[in-house]
């Protein structure tokens, strides 16, 4: 590991930690504009996290160590995912760990701990949210794996840097397998990040909330870490989608600072467009019933499998 590569790795992680709340604020702002509402400040997520870090945490007396360490585990898992996803360069020191299956495992690790922590205190809302979260994850993870496997069939590897390098140097064309995978990945990312139509991040109604139901017992720094981790998860999913579908602009060498400096504004621009598209999808969609989630994610799984079959049969 060279010093330049290590600095590039730290730069990518720092940019992810900084841009994640900004992306969330941008999505909320775009959604307010599209709904003809008064938009919140772009920096509101930063202010919320800073305010929570300055408060004193209140923890229930019967809380186990799992409840206390979960925010740190969830945040660490999302930060590690942000470090291995090739958002700026493909040959960073952590690139050897950027396997598609390992990445899905990090998301699963965070989901399991947040669900265990939600059930730890035995509250009705926490247990309900944990069951719903595991239900959605059980349906979303196979579809996500199928999407990643479709891209791995093209590159011959499950390593994300190799996939990005292969796709970035291919001729610009419409590949039917990636088109199916793109639609499936969009549906999975909406479900995994608790966005409309699967969940509504702006509600606290018992019949609709999934992710928010698991956070009601957290406060102060614990809640700040989980909220930051949620923003990082959204950032990671969009970076994965950009790496698979729009890999152009990602630097090939971690010691090429000029390429990395060029890749940074390109990444910000792509995230800005993606945030607007997400806000548009949420504005045009309605929140579905939780019992309709299997149909939604089953369709995503079917589209991902179709993408694999198209690649195997047609080679494109």
C-alpha atoms as a PDB file:
ATOM      1  CA  UNK A   1       0.000   0.000   0.000  1.00  0.00           C
ATOM      2  CA  UNK A   2       1.654   3.207  -1.145  1.00  0.00           C
ATOM      3  CA  UNK A   3       1.236   6.497   0.659  1.00  0.00           C
ATOM      4  CA  UNK A   4      -0.517   8.008  -2.345  1.00  0.00           C
ATOM      5  CA  UNK A   5      -2.947   5.115  -2.535  1.00  0.00           C
ATOM      6  CA  UNK A   6      -3.667   5.377   1.180  1.00  0.00           C
ATOM      7  CA  UNK A   7      -4.357   9.108   0.857  1.00  0.00           C
ATOM      8  CA  UNK A   8      -6.647   8.461  -2.110  1.00  0.00           C
ATOM      9  CA  UNK A   9      -8.525   5.887  -0.051  1.00  0.00           C
ATOM     10  CA  UNK A  10      -8.944   8.359   2.804  1.00  0.00           C
ATOM     11  CA  UNK A  11     -10.089  11.003   0.325  1.00  0.00           C
ATOM     12  CA  UNK A  12     -12.799   8.733  -1.090  1.00  0.00           C
ATOM     13  CA  UNK A  13     -14.034   7.858   2.417  1.00  0.00           C
ATOM     14  CA  UNK A  14     -14.001  11.512   3.499  1.00  0.00           C
ATOM     15  CA  UNK A  15     -15.944  12.579   0.409  1.00  0.00           C
ATOM     16  CA  UNK A  16     -18.513   9.841   1.063  1.00  0.00           C
ATOM     17  CA  UNK A  17     -18.953  10.896   4.697  1.00  0.00           C
ATOM     18  CA  UNK A  18     -19.333  14.528   3.658  1.00  0.00           C
ATOM     19  CA  UNK A  19     -21.557  14.071   0.612  1.00  0.00           C
ATOM     20  CA  UNK A  20     -23.985  11.533   2.103  1.00  0.00           C
ATOM     21  CA  UNK A  21     -25.984  14.043   4.203  1.00  0.00           C
ATOM     22  CA  UNK A  22     -25.759  16.543   1.343  1.00  0.00           C
ATOM     23  CA  UNK A  23     -27.297  14.002  -1.055  1.00  0.00           C
ATOM     24  CA  UNK A  24     -30.126  13.399   1.400  1.00  0.00           C
ATOM     25  CA  UNK A  25     -30.725  17.131   1.734  1.00  0.00           C
ATOM     26  CA  UNK A  26     -30.702  17.521  -2.049  1.00  0.00           C
ATOM     27  CA  UNK A  27     -33.313  14.753  -2.486  1.00  0.00           C
ATOM     28  CA  UNK A  28     -35.562  16.338   0.153  1.00  0.00           C
ATOM     29  CA  UNK A  29     -35.161  19.738  -1.463  1.00  0.00           C
ATOM     30  CA  UNK A  30     -35.969  18.460  -4.967  1.00  0.00           C
ATOM     31  CA  UNK A  31     -38.999  16.581  -3.691  1.00  0.00           C
ATOM     32  CA  UNK A  32     -40.310  19.729  -2.005  1.00  0.00           C
ATOM     33  CA  UNK A  33     -39.829  21.725  -5.221  1.00  0.00           C
ATOM     34  CA  UNK A  34     -41.616  19.102  -7.304  1.00  0.00           C
ATOM     35  CA  UNK A  35     -44.514  19.064  -4.842  1.00  0.00           C
ATOM     36  CA  UNK A  36     -44.712  22.867  -4.891  1.00  0.00           C
ATOM     37  CA  UNK A  37     -43.772  23.098  -1.214  1.00  0.00           C
ATOM     38  CA  UNK A  38     -41.355  25.297   0.648  1.00  0.00           C
ATOM     39  CA  UNK A  39     -38.031  23.446   0.407  1.00  0.00           C
ATOM     40  CA  UNK A  40     -35.930  22.752   3.529  1.00  0.00           C
ATOM     41  CA  UNK A  41     -32.349  23.883   3.722  1.00  0.00           C
ATOM     42  CA  UNK A  42     -29.804  21.837   1.825  1.00  0.00           C
ATOM     43  CA  UNK A  43     -27.724  21.714   5.020  1.00  0.00           C
ATOM     44  CA  UNK A  44     -30.556  20.529   7.274  1.00  0.00           C
ATOM     45  CA  UNK A  45     -29.192  16.944   7.599  1.00  0.00           C
ATOM     46  CA  UNK A  46     -25.844  18.354   8.801  1.00  0.00           C
ATOM     47  CA  UNK A  47     -27.583  20.528  11.376  1.00  0.00           C
ATOM     48  CA  UNK A  48     -29.688  17.611  12.584  1.00  0.00           C
ATOM     49  CA  UNK A  49     -26.657  15.357  13.025  1.00  0.00           C
ATOM     50  CA  UNK A  50     -24.681  18.101  14.790  1.00  0.00           C
ATOM     51  CA  UNK A  51     -27.604  18.843  17.126  1.00  0.00           C
ATOM     52  CA  UNK A  52     -27.992  15.173  18.030  1.00  0.00           C
ATOM     53  CA  UNK A  53     -24.284  14.795  18.793  1.00  0.00           C
ATOM     54  CA  UNK A  54     -24.542  17.633  21.338  1.00  0.00           C
ATOM     55  CA  UNK A  55     -27.397  16.010  23.279  1.00  0.00           C
ATOM     56  CA  UNK A  56     -27.209  13.512  26.123  1.00  0.00           C
ATOM     57  CA  UNK A  57     -28.218   9.963  25.231  1.00  0.00           C
ATOM     58  CA  UNK A  58     -31.139   8.351  27.062  1.00  0.00           C
ATOM     59  CA  UNK A  59     -30.998   4.547  27.135  1.00  0.00           C
ATOM     60  CA  UNK A  60     -33.605   2.219  28.632  1.00  0.00           C
ATOM     61  CA  UNK A  61     -32.598   0.335  31.776  1.00  0.00           C
ATOM     62  CA  UNK A  62     -33.288  -3.057  30.214  1.00  0.00           C
ATOM     63  CA  UNK A  63     -31.240  -2.335  27.082  1.00  0.00           C
ATOM     64  CA  UNK A  64     -28.626  -4.979  26.351  1.00  0.00           C
ATOM     65  CA  UNK A  65     -25.138  -4.335  24.938  1.00  0.00           C
ATOM     66  CA  UNK A  66     -26.522  -5.107  21.470  1.00  0.00           C
ATOM     67  CA  UNK A  67     -28.744  -2.036  21.670  1.00  0.00           C
ATOM     68  CA  UNK A  68     -25.785   0.141  22.679  1.00  0.00           C
ATOM     69  CA  UNK A  69     -23.247  -1.054  20.109  1.00  0.00           C
ATOM     70  CA  UNK A  70     -25.620  -1.321  17.140  1.00  0.00           C
ATOM     71  CA  UNK A  71     -25.271   2.358  16.036  1.00  0.00           C
ATOM     72  CA  UNK A  72     -21.503   1.990  15.889  1.00  0.00           C
ATOM     73  CA  UNK A  73     -21.676  -1.315  13.980  1.00  0.00           C
ATOM     74  CA  UNK A  74     -24.222   0.019  11.480  1.00  0.00           C
ATOM     75  CA  UNK A  75     -22.236   3.198  10.875  1.00  0.00           C
ATOM     76  CA  UNK A  76     -18.957   1.268  10.547  1.00  0.00           C
ATOM     77  CA  UNK A  77     -20.510  -1.154   8.040  1.00  0.00           C
ATOM     78  CA  UNK A  78     -21.817   1.683   5.872  1.00  0.00           C
ATOM     79  CA  UNK A  79     -18.499   3.556   6.095  1.00  0.00           C
ATOM     80  CA  UNK A  80     -16.596   0.419   5.078  1.00  0.00           C
ATOM     81  CA  UNK A  81     -18.990  -0.067   2.152  1.00  0.00           C
ATOM     82  CA  UNK A  82     -18.344   3.527   1.097  1.00  0.00           C
ATOM     83  CA  UNK A  83     -14.596   2.833   1.223  1.00  0.00           C
ATOM     84  CA  UNK A  84     -14.719  -0.251  -1.012  1.00  0.00           C
ATOM     85  CA  UNK A  85     -17.257   0.937  -3.598  1.00  0.00           C
ATOM     86  CA  UNK A  86     -15.250   2.472  -6.497  1.00  0.00           C
ATOM     87  CA  UNK A  87     -16.731   5.959  -6.603  1.00  0.00           C
ATOM     88  CA  UNK A  88     -13.522   7.902  -7.393  1.00  0.00           C
ATOM     89  CA  UNK A  89     -10.900   5.320  -8.435  1.00  0.00           C
ATOM     90  CA  UNK A  90     -10.724   1.584  -9.096  1.00  0.00           C
ATOM     91  CA  UNK A  91      -7.302   0.550  -7.745  1.00  0.00           C
ATOM     92  CA  UNK A  92      -7.583   1.855  -4.191  1.00  0.00           C
ATOM     93  CA  UNK A  93      -6.055  -0.241  -1.373  1.00  0.00           C
ATOM     94  CA  UNK A  94      -9.464  -1.573  -0.317  1.00  0.00           C
ATOM     95  CA  UNK A  95     -10.313  -2.578  -3.907  1.00  0.00           C
ATOM     96  CA  UNK A  96      -9.279  -6.175  -3.208  1.00  0.00           C
ATOM     97  CA  UNK A  97     -12.172  -6.373  -0.709  1.00  0.00           C
ATOM     98  CA  UNK A  98     -14.723  -4.833  -3.073  1.00  0.00           C
ATOM     99  CA  UNK A  99     -16.408  -8.123  -3.890  1.00  0.00           C
ATOM    100  CA  UNK A 100     -20.097  -7.975  -4.764  1.00  0.00           C
ATOM    101  CA  UNK A 101     -21.005 -10.731  -2.305  1.00  0.00           C
ATOM    102  CA  UNK A 102     -18.974  -9.099   0.490  1.00  0.00           C
ATOM    103  CA  UNK A 103     -20.720  -5.792  -0.189  1.00  0.00           C
ATOM    104  CA  UNK A 104     -24.158  -7.388   0.106  1.00  0.00           C
ATOM    105  CA  UNK A 105     -22.895  -9.027   3.300  1.00  0.00           C
ATOM    106  CA  UNK A 106     -22.074  -5.617   4.787  1.00  0.00           C
ATOM    107  CA  UNK A 107     -25.593  -4.398   4.080  1.00  0.00           C
ATOM    108  CA  UNK A 108     -26.994  -7.600   5.610  1.00  0.00           C
ATOM    109  CA  UNK A 109     -24.801  -7.183   8.709  1.00  0.00           C
ATOM    110  CA  UNK A 110     -26.163  -3.690   9.321  1.00  0.00           C
ATOM    111  CA  UNK A 111     -29.743  -4.887   8.767  1.00  0.00           C
ATOM    112  CA  UNK A 112     -29.421  -7.789  11.223  1.00  0.00           C
ATOM    113  CA  UNK A 113     -28.011  -5.629  14.013  1.00  0.00           C
ATOM    114  CA  UNK A 114     -30.537  -2.817  13.586  1.00  0.00           C
ATOM    115  CA  UNK A 115     -33.344  -5.399  13.661  1.00  0.00           C
ATOM    116  CA  UNK A 116     -31.915  -7.060  16.784  1.00  0.00           C
ATOM    117  CA  UNK A 117     -31.580  -3.694  18.501  1.00  0.00           C
ATOM    118  CA  UNK A 118     -35.157  -2.786  17.591  1.00  0.00           C
ATOM    119  CA  UNK A 119     -36.437  -6.013  19.200  1.00  0.00           C
ATOM    120  CA  UNK A 120     -34.098  -5.747  22.183  1.00  0.00           C
ATOM    121  CA  UNK A 121     -36.335  -3.508  24.300  1.00  0.00           C
ATOM    122  CA  UNK A 122     -39.494  -5.419  23.477  1.00  0.00           C
ATOM    123  CA  UNK A 123     -41.512  -2.414  22.327  1.00  0.00           C
ATOM    124  CA  UNK A 124     -44.386  -2.898  19.907  1.00  0.00           C
ATOM    125  CA  UNK A 125     -43.119  -0.411  17.333  1.00  0.00           C
ATOM    126  CA  UNK A 126     -39.558  -1.718  17.408  1.00  0.00           C
ATOM    127  CA  UNK A 127     -40.589  -5.339  16.955  1.00  0.00           C
ATOM    128  CA  UNK A 128     -42.994  -4.405  14.164  1.00  0.00           C
ATOM    129  CA  UNK A 129     -40.338  -2.395  12.336  1.00  0.00           C
ATOM    130  CA  UNK A 130     -37.753  -5.176  12.748  1.00  0.00           C
ATOM    131  CA  UNK A 131     -40.087  -7.781  11.272  1.00  0.00           C
ATOM    132  CA  UNK A 132     -40.913  -5.543   8.337  1.00  0.00           C
ATOM    133  CA  UNK A 133     -37.246  -4.686   7.761  1.00  0.00           C
ATOM    134  CA  UNK A 134     -36.209  -8.336   7.664  1.00  0.00           C
ATOM    135  CA  UNK A 135     -39.192  -9.097   5.422  1.00  0.00           C
ATOM    136  CA  UNK A 136     -38.104  -6.461   2.895  1.00  0.00           C
ATOM    137  CA  UNK A 137     -34.459  -7.473   3.136  1.00  0.00           C
ATOM    138  CA  UNK A 138     -35.306 -11.142   2.558  1.00  0.00           C
ATOM    139  CA  UNK A 139     -36.903 -10.146  -0.749  1.00  0.00           C
ATOM    140  CA  UNK A 140     -34.464  -7.407  -1.806  1.00  0.00           C
ATOM    141  CA  UNK A 141     -31.098  -9.105  -1.270  1.00  0.00           C
ATOM    142  CA  UNK A 142     -31.596 -11.898  -3.878  1.00  0.00           C
ATOM    143  CA  UNK A 143     -32.614  -9.304  -6.465  1.00  0.00           C
ATOM    144  CA  UNK A 144     -29.541  -7.207  -5.644  1.00  0.00           C
ATOM    145  CA  UNK A 145     -27.293 -10.252  -6.001  1.00  0.00           C
ATOM    146  CA  UNK A 146     -28.830 -11.069  -9.389  1.00  0.00           C
ATOM    147  CA  UNK A 147     -28.138  -7.509 -10.563  1.00  0.00           C
ATOM    148  CA  UNK A 148     -24.504  -7.748  -9.466  1.00  0.00           C
ATOM    149  CA  UNK A 149     -24.134 -11.191 -11.040  1.00  0.00           C
ATOM    150  CA  UNK A 150     -25.460  -9.833 -14.337  1.00  0.00           C
ATOM    151  CA  UNK A 151     -22.657  -7.261 -14.351  1.00  0.00           C
ATOM    152  CA  UNK A 152     -20.140  -9.888 -13.234  1.00  0.00           C
ATOM    153  CA  UNK A 153     -21.036 -12.089 -16.230  1.00  0.00           C
ATOM    154  CA  UNK A 154     -19.985  -9.248 -18.519  1.00  0.00           C
ATOM    155  CA  UNK A 155     -16.656  -8.650 -16.770  1.00  0.00           C
ATOM    156  CA  UNK A 156     -15.929 -12.213 -15.656  1.00  0.00           C
ATOM    157  CA  UNK A 157     -15.395 -11.131 -12.053  1.00  0.00           C
ATOM    158  CA  UNK A 158     -17.425 -10.255  -8.965  1.00  0.00           C
ATOM    159  CA  UNK A 159     -14.956  -7.542  -7.967  1.00  0.00           C
ATOM    160  CA  UNK A 160     -16.538  -4.117  -8.427  1.00  0.00           C
ATOM    161  CA  UNK A 161     -13.300  -2.417  -9.637  1.00  0.00           C
ATOM    162  CA  UNK A 162     -12.922  -5.076 -12.350  1.00  0.00           C
ATOM    163  CA  UNK A 163     -16.568  -4.647 -13.356  1.00  0.00           C
ATOM    164  CA  UNK A 164     -16.129  -0.872 -13.572  1.00  0.00           C
ATOM    165  CA  UNK A 165     -12.924  -1.157 -15.592  1.00  0.00           C
ATOM    166  CA  UNK A 166     -14.572  -3.589 -18.021  1.00  0.00           C
ATOM    167  CA  UNK A 167     -17.746  -1.575 -18.517  1.00  0.00           C
ATOM    168  CA  UNK A 168     -15.943   1.779 -18.742  1.00  0.00           C
ATOM    169  CA  UNK A 169     -13.747   0.604 -21.610  1.00  0.00           C
ATOM    170  CA  UNK A 170     -16.500  -1.007 -23.664  1.00  0.00           C
ATOM    171  CA  UNK A 171     -18.135   0.747 -26.560  1.00  0.00           C
ATOM    172  CA  UNK A 172     -21.029   3.006 -25.621  1.00  0.00           C
ATOM    173  CA  UNK A 173     -24.151   1.049 -26.530  1.00  0.00           C
ATOM    174  CA  UNK A 174     -27.426  -0.131 -25.081  1.00  0.00           C
ATOM    175  CA  UNK A 175     -26.980  -3.555 -23.495  1.00  0.00           C
ATOM    176  CA  UNK A 176     -30.347  -5.294 -22.900  1.00  0.00           C
ATOM    177  CA  UNK A 177     -29.024  -7.213 -19.897  1.00  0.00           C
ATOM    178  CA  UNK A 178     -27.887  -4.000 -18.185  1.00  0.00           C
ATOM    179  CA  UNK A 179     -31.195  -2.332 -19.062  1.00  0.00           C
ATOM    180  CA  UNK A 180     -33.091  -5.046 -17.173  1.00  0.00           C
ATOM    181  CA  UNK A 181     -30.549  -4.845 -14.351  1.00  0.00           C
ATOM    182  CA  UNK A 182     -30.888  -1.064 -14.136  1.00  0.00           C
ATOM    183  CA  UNK A 183     -34.659  -1.210 -13.625  1.00  0.00           C
ATOM    184  CA  UNK A 184     -34.283  -3.999 -11.054  1.00  0.00           C
ATOM    185  CA  UNK A 185     -31.533  -2.121  -9.206  1.00  0.00           C
ATOM    186  CA  UNK A 186     -33.667   1.033  -9.034  1.00  0.00           C
ATOM    187  CA  UNK A 187     -36.537  -0.919  -7.497  1.00  0.00           C
ATOM    188  CA  UNK A 188     -34.234  -2.623  -4.999  1.00  0.00           C
ATOM    189  CA  UNK A 189     -32.558   0.662  -3.990  1.00  0.00           C
ATOM    190  CA  UNK A 190     -35.965   2.217  -3.293  1.00  0.00           C
ATOM    191  CA  UNK A 191     -36.871  -0.671  -1.005  1.00  0.00           C
ATOM    192  CA  UNK A 192     -33.502  -0.931   0.710  1.00  0.00           C
ATOM    193  CA  UNK A 193     -33.372   2.769   1.502  1.00  0.00           C
ATOM    194  CA  UNK A 194     -36.953   2.942   2.805  1.00  0.00           C
ATOM    195  CA  UNK A 195     -38.157   5.229   0.039  1.00  0.00           C
ATOM    196  CA  UNK A 196     -41.527   5.562  -1.646  1.00  0.00           C
ATOM    197  CA  UNK A 197     -43.312   3.377  -2.809  1.00  0.00           C
ATOM    198  CA  UNK A 198     -42.114   0.757  -0.286  1.00  0.00           C
ATOM    199  CA  UNK A 199     -41.702   3.090   2.693  1.00  0.00           C
ATOM    200  CA  UNK A 200     -42.063   6.795   3.418  1.00  0.00           C
ATOM    201  CA  UNK A 201     -39.120   8.313   5.340  1.00  0.00           C
ATOM    202  CA  UNK A 202     -41.187  11.365   6.264  1.00  0.00           C
ATOM    203  CA  UNK A 203     -43.945   9.568   8.161  1.00  0.00           C
ATOM    204  CA  UNK A 204     -44.371   8.163  11.675  1.00  0.00           C
ATOM    205  CA  UNK A 205     -47.710   6.433  11.132  1.00  0.00           C
ATOM    206  CA  UNK A 206     -47.925   2.903  12.523  1.00  0.00           C
ATOM    207  CA  UNK A 207     -49.353   1.373   9.359  1.00  0.00           C
ATOM    208  CA  UNK A 208     -46.729   2.798   7.021  1.00  0.00           C
ATOM    209  CA  UNK A 209     -43.321   3.130   8.666  1.00  0.00           C
ATOM    210  CA  UNK A 210     -40.627   0.459   8.518  1.00  0.00           C
ATOM    211  CA  UNK A 211     -37.216   2.018   9.040  1.00  0.00           C
ATOM    212  CA  UNK A 212     -38.394   4.801  11.351  1.00  0.00           C
ATOM    213  CA  UNK A 213     -40.134   2.301  13.659  1.00  0.00           C
ATOM    214  CA  UNK A 214     -36.766   0.800  14.592  1.00  0.00           C
ATOM    215  CA  UNK A 215     -35.265   4.145  15.623  1.00  0.00           C
ATOM    216  CA  UNK A 216     -37.869   5.416  18.086  1.00  0.00           C
ATOM    217  CA  UNK A 217     -35.902   4.290  21.158  1.00  0.00           C
ATOM    218  CA  UNK A 218     -32.622   5.895  20.056  1.00  0.00           C
ATOM    219  CA  UNK A 219     -31.540   9.420  20.886  1.00  0.00           C
ATOM    220  CA  UNK A 220     -28.559  11.784  20.806  1.00  0.00           C
ATOM    221  CA  UNK A 221     -25.293  10.392  19.390  1.00  0.00           C
ATOM    222  CA  UNK A 222     -26.791   6.941  18.805  1.00  0.00           C
ATOM    223  CA  UNK A 223     -29.563   8.376  16.653  1.00  0.00           C
ATOM    224  CA  UNK A 224     -27.079  10.680  14.898  1.00  0.00           C
ATOM    225  CA  UNK A 225     -24.896   7.713  13.898  1.00  0.00           C
ATOM    226  CA  UNK A 226     -27.884   5.758  12.572  1.00  0.00           C
ATOM    227  CA  UNK A 227     -29.212   8.738  10.618  1.00  0.00           C
ATOM    228  CA  UNK A 228     -25.746   9.331   9.171  1.00  0.00           C
ATOM    229  CA  UNK A 229     -25.489   5.634   8.325  1.00  0.00           C
ATOM    230  CA  UNK A 230     -28.860   5.813   6.542  1.00  0.00           C
ATOM    231  CA  UNK A 231     -27.583   8.696   4.427  1.00  0.00           C
ATOM    232  CA  UNK A 232     -24.396   6.708   3.728  1.00  0.00           C
ATOM    233  CA  UNK A 233     -26.475   3.724   2.646  1.00  0.00           C
ATOM    234  CA  UNK A 234     -28.355   5.860   0.124  1.00  0.00           C
ATOM    235  CA  UNK A 235     -25.023   7.280  -1.080  1.00  0.00           C
ATOM    236  CA  UNK A 236     -23.549   3.771  -1.407  1.00  0.00           C
ATOM    237  CA  UNK A 237     -26.472   2.463  -3.406  1.00  0.00           C
ATOM    238  CA  UNK A 238     -26.309   5.352  -5.842  1.00  0.00           C
ATOM    239  CA  UNK A 239     -22.537   4.929  -6.196  1.00  0.00           C
ATOM    240  CA  UNK A 240     -23.013   1.206  -6.904  1.00  0.00           C
ATOM    241  CA  UNK A 241     -25.620   2.025  -9.522  1.00  0.00           C
ATOM    242  CA  UNK A 242     -23.374   4.649 -11.108  1.00  0.00           C
ATOM    243  CA  UNK A 243     -20.413   2.242 -11.082  1.00  0.00           C
ATOM    244  CA  UNK A 244     -22.443  -0.468 -12.827  1.00  0.00           C
ATOM    245  CA  UNK A 245     -24.447   1.638 -15.258  1.00  0.00           C
ATOM    246  CA  UNK A 246     -22.485   4.905 -15.723  1.00  0.00           C
ATOM    247  CA  UNK A 247     -18.850   4.070 -14.862  1.00  0.00           C
ATOM    248  CA  UNK A 248     -17.425   6.837 -17.026  1.00  0.00           C
ATOM    249  CA  UNK A 249     -15.358   9.425 -15.199  1.00  0.00           C
ATOM    250  CA  UNK A 250     -13.989   7.099 -12.499  1.00  0.00           C
ATOM    251  CA  UNK A 251     -10.198   7.278 -12.295  1.00  0.00           C
ATOM    252  CA  UNK A 252      -8.176   4.159 -13.079  1.00  0.00           C
ATOM    253  CA  UNK A 253      -5.120   4.929 -10.936  1.00  0.00           C
ATOM    254  CA  UNK A 254      -5.147   6.058  -7.307  1.00  0.00           C
ATOM    255  CA  UNK A 255      -1.852   7.929  -7.761  1.00  0.00           C
ATOM    256  CA  UNK A 256      -3.219  10.052 -10.625  1.00  0.00           C
ATOM    257  CA  UNK A 257      -4.375  13.057  -8.619  1.00  0.00           C
ATOM    258  CA  UNK A 258      -5.489  14.956 -11.705  1.00  0.00           C
ATOM    259  CA  UNK A 259      -7.862  12.122 -12.671  1.00  0.00           C
ATOM    260  CA  UNK A 260      -9.198  11.944  -9.111  1.00  0.00           C
ATOM    261  CA  UNK A 261      -9.745  15.707  -9.016  1.00  0.00           C
ATOM    262  CA  UNK A 262     -11.689  15.401 -12.265  1.00  0.00           C
ATOM    263  CA  UNK A 263     -13.633  12.384 -10.956  1.00  0.00           C
ATOM    264  CA  UNK A 264     -14.825  14.287  -7.873  1.00  0.00           C
ATOM    265  CA  UNK A 265     -17.004  16.909  -9.633  1.00  0.00           C
ATOM    266  CA  UNK A 266     -18.162  14.225 -12.086  1.00  0.00           C
ATOM    267  CA  UNK A 267     -19.341  12.133  -9.128  1.00  0.00           C
ATOM    268  CA  UNK A 268     -21.106  15.136  -7.588  1.00  0.00           C
ATOM    269  CA  UNK A 269     -22.844  15.882 -10.883  1.00  0.00           C
ATOM    270  CA  UNK A 270     -24.009  12.291 -11.327  1.00  0.00           C
ATOM    271  CA  UNK A 271     -25.267  12.184  -7.737  1.00  0.00           C
ATOM    272  CA  UNK A 272     -27.148  15.446  -8.255  1.00  0.00           C
ATOM    273  CA  UNK A 273     -28.915  14.017 -11.307  1.00  0.00           C
ATOM    274  CA  UNK A 274     -29.616  10.772  -9.462  1.00  0.00           C
ATOM    275  CA  UNK A 275     -31.021  12.652  -6.476  1.00  0.00           C
ATOM    276  CA  UNK A 276     -33.385  14.576  -8.720  1.00  0.00           C
ATOM    277  CA  UNK A 277     -34.523  11.343 -10.406  1.00  0.00           C
ATOM    278  CA  UNK A 278     -35.159   9.788  -6.975  1.00  0.00           C
ATOM    279  CA  UNK A 279     -37.225  12.803  -5.915  1.00  0.00           C
ATOM    280  CA  UNK A 280     -39.165  12.606  -9.186  1.00  0.00           C
ATOM    281  CA  UNK A 281     -39.910   8.907  -8.664  1.00  0.00           C
ATOM    282  CA  UNK A 282     -41.132   9.579  -5.134  1.00  0.00           C
ATOM    283  CA  UNK A 283     -43.298  12.452  -6.316  1.00  0.00           C
ATOM    284  CA  UNK A 284     -44.934  10.407  -9.079  1.00  0.00           C
ATOM    285  CA  UNK A 285     -45.417   7.308  -6.907  1.00  0.00           C
ATOM    286  CA  UNK A 286     -47.788   6.503  -4.075  1.00  0.00           C
ATOM    287  CA  UNK A 287     -46.949   4.579  -0.939  1.00  0.00           C
ATOM    288  CA  UNK A 288     -48.065   0.975  -1.411  1.00  0.00           C
ATOM    289  CA  UNK A 289     -49.364  -1.324   1.287  1.00  0.00           C
ATOM    290  CA  UNK A 290     -46.709  -3.409   3.016  1.00  0.00           C
ATOM    291  CA  UNK A 291     -48.366  -6.580   1.684  1.00  0.00           C
ATOM    292  CA  UNK A 292     -47.720  -5.373  -1.862  1.00  0.00           C
ATOM    293  CA  UNK A 293     -43.955  -5.297  -1.258  1.00  0.00           C
ATOM    294  CA  UNK A 294     -43.494  -8.969  -2.321  1.00  0.00           C
ATOM    295  CA  UNK A 295     -45.020  -8.171  -5.716  1.00  0.00           C
ATOM    296  CA  UNK A 296     -42.786  -5.120  -6.117  1.00  0.00           C
ATOM    297  CA  UNK A 297     -39.563  -6.882  -5.130  1.00  0.00           C
ATOM    298  CA  UNK A 298     -40.582 -10.078  -6.899  1.00  0.00           C
ATOM    299  CA  UNK A 299     -40.805  -8.053 -10.092  1.00  0.00           C
ATOM    300  CA  UNK A 300     -37.329  -6.657  -9.395  1.00  0.00           C
ATOM    301  CA  UNK A 301     -35.974 -10.192  -8.932  1.00  0.00           C
ATOM    302  CA  UNK A 302     -37.644 -11.322 -12.159  1.00  0.00           C
ATOM    303  CA  UNK A 303     -36.138  -8.412 -14.106  1.00  0.00           C
ATOM    304  CA  UNK A 304     -32.681  -9.141 -12.683  1.00  0.00           C
ATOM    305  CA  UNK A 305     -32.952 -12.809 -13.648  1.00  0.00           C
ATOM    306  CA  UNK A 306     -34.111 -11.784 -17.131  1.00  0.00           C
ATOM    307  CA  UNK A 307     -31.008  -9.629 -17.390  1.00  0.00           C
ATOM    308  CA  UNK A 308     -28.830 -12.634 -16.556  1.00  0.00           C
ATOM    309  CA  UNK A 309     -30.639 -14.822 -19.078  1.00  0.00           C
ATOM    310  CA  UNK A 310     -30.347 -12.203 -21.805  1.00  0.00           C
ATOM    311  CA  UNK A 311     -26.622 -11.974 -21.157  1.00  0.00           C
ATOM    312  CA  UNK A 312     -26.196 -15.747 -21.193  1.00  0.00           C
ATOM    313  CA  UNK A 313     -28.266 -16.251 -24.343  1.00  0.00           C
ATOM    314  CA  UNK A 314     -27.336 -13.169 -26.366  1.00  0.00           C
ATOM    315  CA  UNK A 315     -24.028 -12.163 -24.826  1.00  0.00           C
ATOM    316  CA  UNK A 316     -25.060  -8.527 -24.537  1.00  0.00           C
END
